[in-house]
């Protein structure tokens, strides 16, 4: 199951959030506050689909792509 990497710090912002990975020194921007909500729900969810329940079905592919990118860059583990 995906969750924030232990070395990632989240700073909520009006536009979404900033994610900073202390190990890689990588900075990522979440440009949608709903994506931040999904990322935060990952930790208590049994699956990505469970974390996406509040996202409308037609928007879920874009959220899955964003989560995949965050995983590829090490923000999620």
N, C-alpha and C. Protein backbone atom coordinates (compact mmCIF):
# COMPACT_ATOMS: atom_id res chain seq x y z
N UNK A 1 0.84 -1.20 0.00
CA UNK A 1 0.00 0.00 0.00
C UNK A 1 0.87 1.24 0.00
N UNK A 2 0.49 2.22 -0.74
CA UNK A 2 1.23 3.47 -0.81
C UNK A 2 0.96 4.35 0.40
N UNK A 3 1.97 5.11 0.76
CA UNK A 3 1.86 6.12 1.82
C UNK A 3 2.99 7.11 1.59
N UNK A 4 2.92 8.24 2.24
CA UNK A 4 4.02 9.20 2.15
C UNK A 4 5.30 8.54 2.61
N UNK A 5 6.37 8.80 1.91
CA UNK A 5 7.68 8.30 2.32
C UNK A 5 8.00 8.92 3.68
N UNK A 6 8.62 8.17 4.59
CA UNK A 6 8.91 8.71 5.92
C UNK A 6 9.77 9.97 5.92
N UNK A 7 10.53 10.20 4.86
CA UNK A 7 11.38 11.39 4.80
C UNK A 7 10.73 12.56 4.08
N UNK A 8 9.43 12.47 3.82
CA UNK A 8 8.72 13.53 3.10
C UNK A 8 7.91 14.37 4.09
N UNK A 9 8.07 15.67 3.96
CA UNK A 9 7.33 16.63 4.75
C UNK A 9 6.29 17.30 3.86
N UNK A 10 5.11 17.55 4.41
CA UNK A 10 4.01 18.17 3.66
C UNK A 10 3.72 19.54 4.26
N UNK A 11 3.64 20.53 3.37
CA UNK A 11 3.25 21.86 3.81
C UNK A 11 2.03 22.29 2.99
N UNK A 12 0.86 22.26 3.60
CA UNK A 12 -0.35 22.69 2.87
C UNK A 12 -0.24 24.17 2.47
N UNK A 13 -0.73 24.46 1.31
CA UNK A 13 -0.73 25.82 0.75
C UNK A 13 -2.11 26.08 0.16
N UNK A 14 -2.47 27.35 -0.07
CA UNK A 14 -3.77 27.65 -0.67
C UNK A 14 -3.99 26.97 -2.03
N UNK A 15 -2.93 26.77 -2.79
CA UNK A 15 -3.04 26.15 -4.12
C UNK A 15 -3.05 24.63 -4.05
N UNK A 16 -2.66 24.05 -2.94
CA UNK A 16 -2.55 22.60 -2.80
C UNK A 16 -1.57 22.26 -1.69
N UNK A 17 -0.32 21.96 -2.08
CA UNK A 17 0.69 21.66 -1.06
C UNK A 17 2.07 21.58 -1.67
N UNK A 18 3.06 21.70 -0.81
CA UNK A 18 4.45 21.45 -1.16
C UNK A 18 4.88 20.18 -0.46
N UNK A 19 5.55 19.30 -1.19
CA UNK A 19 6.12 18.11 -0.61
C UNK A 19 7.63 18.23 -0.72
N UNK A 20 8.33 17.97 0.37
CA UNK A 20 9.79 18.04 0.35
C UNK A 20 10.35 16.73 0.87
N UNK A 21 11.21 16.12 0.08
CA UNK A 21 11.86 14.86 0.46
C UNK A 21 13.24 15.20 1.01
N UNK A 22 13.44 14.96 2.30
CA UNK A 22 14.71 15.30 2.93
C UNK A 22 15.87 14.44 2.46
N UNK A 23 15.59 13.24 1.99
CA UNK A 23 16.65 12.36 1.51
C UNK A 23 17.16 12.76 0.14
N UNK A 24 16.25 13.05 -0.78
CA UNK A 24 16.64 13.38 -2.15
C UNK A 24 16.69 14.88 -2.41
N UNK A 25 16.18 15.64 -1.47
CA UNK A 25 16.09 17.10 -1.57
C UNK A 25 15.18 17.53 -2.72
N UNK A 26 14.26 16.66 -3.09
CA UNK A 26 13.31 16.94 -4.17
C UNK A 26 12.11 17.68 -3.61
N UNK A 27 11.61 18.63 -4.37
CA UNK A 27 10.43 19.41 -4.02
C UNK A 27 9.36 19.13 -5.06
N UNK A 28 8.16 18.82 -4.60
CA UNK A 28 7.04 18.59 -5.51
C UNK A 28 5.88 19.49 -5.10
N UNK A 29 5.15 19.92 -6.10
CA UNK A 29 3.97 20.76 -5.88
C UNK A 29 2.72 19.96 -6.18
N UNK A 30 1.78 19.99 -5.27
CA UNK A 30 0.46 19.43 -5.53
C UNK A 30 -0.43 20.62 -5.84
N UNK A 31 -0.93 20.67 -7.05
CA UNK A 31 -1.68 21.84 -7.50
C UNK A 31 -3.18 21.74 -7.27
N UNK A 32 -3.57 20.71 -6.55
CA UNK A 32 -5.00 20.51 -6.28
C UNK A 32 -5.13 20.06 -4.82
N UNK A 33 -5.91 20.78 -4.06
CA UNK A 33 -6.08 20.47 -2.64
C UNK A 33 -6.68 19.07 -2.45
N UNK A 34 -7.49 18.64 -3.42
CA UNK A 34 -8.08 17.30 -3.33
C UNK A 34 -7.01 16.22 -3.44
N UNK A 35 -5.97 16.48 -4.22
CA UNK A 35 -4.87 15.52 -4.31
C UNK A 35 -4.16 15.40 -2.97
N UNK A 36 -4.00 16.51 -2.28
CA UNK A 36 -3.43 16.47 -0.94
C UNK A 36 -4.29 15.61 -0.02
N UNK A 37 -5.60 15.77 -0.12
CA UNK A 37 -6.51 14.96 0.70
C UNK A 37 -6.33 13.47 0.40
N UNK A 38 -6.20 13.12 -0.87
CA UNK A 38 -6.01 11.72 -1.26
C UNK A 38 -4.68 11.21 -0.71
N UNK A 39 -3.62 11.98 -0.87
CA UNK A 39 -2.29 11.57 -0.38
C UNK A 39 -2.35 11.35 1.14
N UNK A 40 -3.03 12.21 1.85
CA UNK A 40 -3.12 12.05 3.30
C UNK A 40 -3.98 10.85 3.68
N UNK A 41 -4.98 10.52 2.86
CA UNK A 41 -5.84 9.36 3.15
C UNK A 41 -5.15 8.04 2.83
N UNK A 42 -4.11 8.06 2.01
CA UNK A 42 -3.41 6.82 1.65
C UNK A 42 -2.94 6.06 2.88
N UNK A 43 -2.46 6.79 3.88
CA UNK A 43 -1.90 6.15 5.06
C UNK A 43 -2.91 5.30 5.81
N UNK A 44 -4.16 5.68 5.84
CA UNK A 44 -5.16 4.92 6.56
C UNK A 44 -6.04 4.05 5.68
N UNK A 45 -5.72 3.98 4.40
CA UNK A 45 -6.54 3.23 3.45
C UNK A 45 -5.94 1.86 3.16
N UNK A 46 -6.80 0.96 2.73
CA UNK A 46 -6.33 -0.38 2.38
C UNK A 46 -5.89 -0.47 0.93
N UNK A 47 -6.26 0.53 0.12
CA UNK A 47 -5.88 0.55 -1.29
C UNK A 47 -5.95 1.98 -1.82
N UNK A 48 -5.36 2.17 -2.99
CA UNK A 48 -5.43 3.48 -3.64
C UNK A 48 -6.89 3.79 -3.96
N UNK A 49 -7.63 2.80 -4.43
CA UNK A 49 -9.04 3.01 -4.76
C UNK A 49 -9.83 3.45 -3.54
N UNK A 50 -9.51 2.92 -2.39
CA UNK A 50 -10.16 3.32 -1.15
C UNK A 50 -9.88 4.80 -0.86
N UNK A 51 -8.65 5.24 -1.10
CA UNK A 51 -8.28 6.64 -0.86
C UNK A 51 -8.95 7.58 -1.87
N UNK A 52 -9.32 7.06 -3.03
CA UNK A 52 -9.92 7.87 -4.09
C UNK A 52 -11.45 7.95 -4.02
N UNK A 53 -12.06 7.40 -3.00
CA UNK A 53 -13.53 7.35 -2.95
C UNK A 53 -14.20 8.72 -3.01
N UNK A 54 -13.56 9.76 -2.52
CA UNK A 54 -14.17 11.10 -2.54
C UNK A 54 -13.98 11.81 -3.88
N UNK A 55 -13.19 11.23 -4.77
CA UNK A 55 -12.91 11.85 -6.07
C UNK A 55 -13.93 11.32 -7.08
N UNK A 56 -14.56 12.21 -7.86
CA UNK A 56 -15.50 11.75 -8.89
C UNK A 56 -14.84 10.74 -9.84
N UNK A 57 -15.58 9.74 -10.23
CA UNK A 57 -15.07 8.65 -11.08
C UNK A 57 -14.34 9.16 -12.32
N UNK A 58 -14.90 10.16 -12.99
CA UNK A 58 -14.30 10.65 -14.24
C UNK A 58 -12.95 11.34 -14.01
N UNK A 59 -12.66 11.77 -12.79
CA UNK A 59 -11.39 12.44 -12.49
C UNK A 59 -10.33 11.49 -11.92
N UNK A 60 -10.72 10.28 -11.61
CA UNK A 60 -9.79 9.35 -10.98
C UNK A 60 -8.57 8.98 -11.82
N UNK A 61 -8.69 8.83 -13.15
CA UNK A 61 -7.48 8.53 -13.93
C UNK A 61 -6.38 9.58 -13.75
N UNK A 62 -6.75 10.85 -13.71
CA UNK A 62 -5.75 11.91 -13.52
C UNK A 62 -5.11 11.81 -12.13
N UNK A 63 -5.91 11.49 -11.14
CA UNK A 63 -5.38 11.35 -9.78
C UNK A 63 -4.46 10.13 -9.70
N UNK A 64 -4.83 9.03 -10.38
CA UNK A 64 -3.96 7.84 -10.39
C UNK A 64 -2.63 8.17 -11.04
N UNK A 65 -2.65 8.93 -12.13
CA UNK A 65 -1.40 9.33 -12.79
C UNK A 65 -0.54 10.17 -11.86
N UNK A 66 -1.17 11.10 -11.15
CA UNK A 66 -0.43 11.96 -10.21
C UNK A 66 0.19 11.12 -9.09
N UNK A 67 -0.56 10.16 -8.57
CA UNK A 67 -0.03 9.29 -7.52
C UNK A 67 1.11 8.43 -8.05
N UNK A 68 0.99 7.98 -9.29
CA UNK A 68 2.05 7.19 -9.90
C UNK A 68 3.33 8.02 -10.04
N UNK A 69 3.19 9.26 -10.44
CA UNK A 69 4.35 10.15 -10.56
C UNK A 69 4.98 10.38 -9.19
N UNK A 70 4.16 10.58 -8.18
CA UNK A 70 4.69 10.78 -6.83
C UNK A 70 5.43 9.53 -6.34
N UNK A 71 4.93 8.37 -6.73
CA UNK A 71 5.62 7.13 -6.35
C UNK A 71 6.95 7.00 -7.11
N UNK A 72 6.95 7.31 -8.40
CA UNK A 72 8.18 7.22 -9.21
C UNK A 72 9.26 8.17 -8.71
N UNK A 73 8.85 9.31 -8.17
CA UNK A 73 9.83 10.28 -7.70
C UNK A 73 10.22 10.08 -6.23
N UNK A 74 9.65 9.04 -5.61
CA UNK A 74 10.03 8.72 -4.23
C UNK A 74 9.28 9.46 -3.15
N UNK A 75 8.28 10.22 -3.54
CA UNK A 75 7.48 10.93 -2.52
C UNK A 75 6.54 9.97 -1.78
N UNK A 76 6.11 8.94 -2.50
CA UNK A 76 5.29 7.89 -1.89
C UNK A 76 6.09 6.61 -1.88
N UNK A 77 5.86 5.81 -0.88
CA UNK A 77 6.58 4.52 -0.79
C UNK A 77 5.60 3.42 -0.46
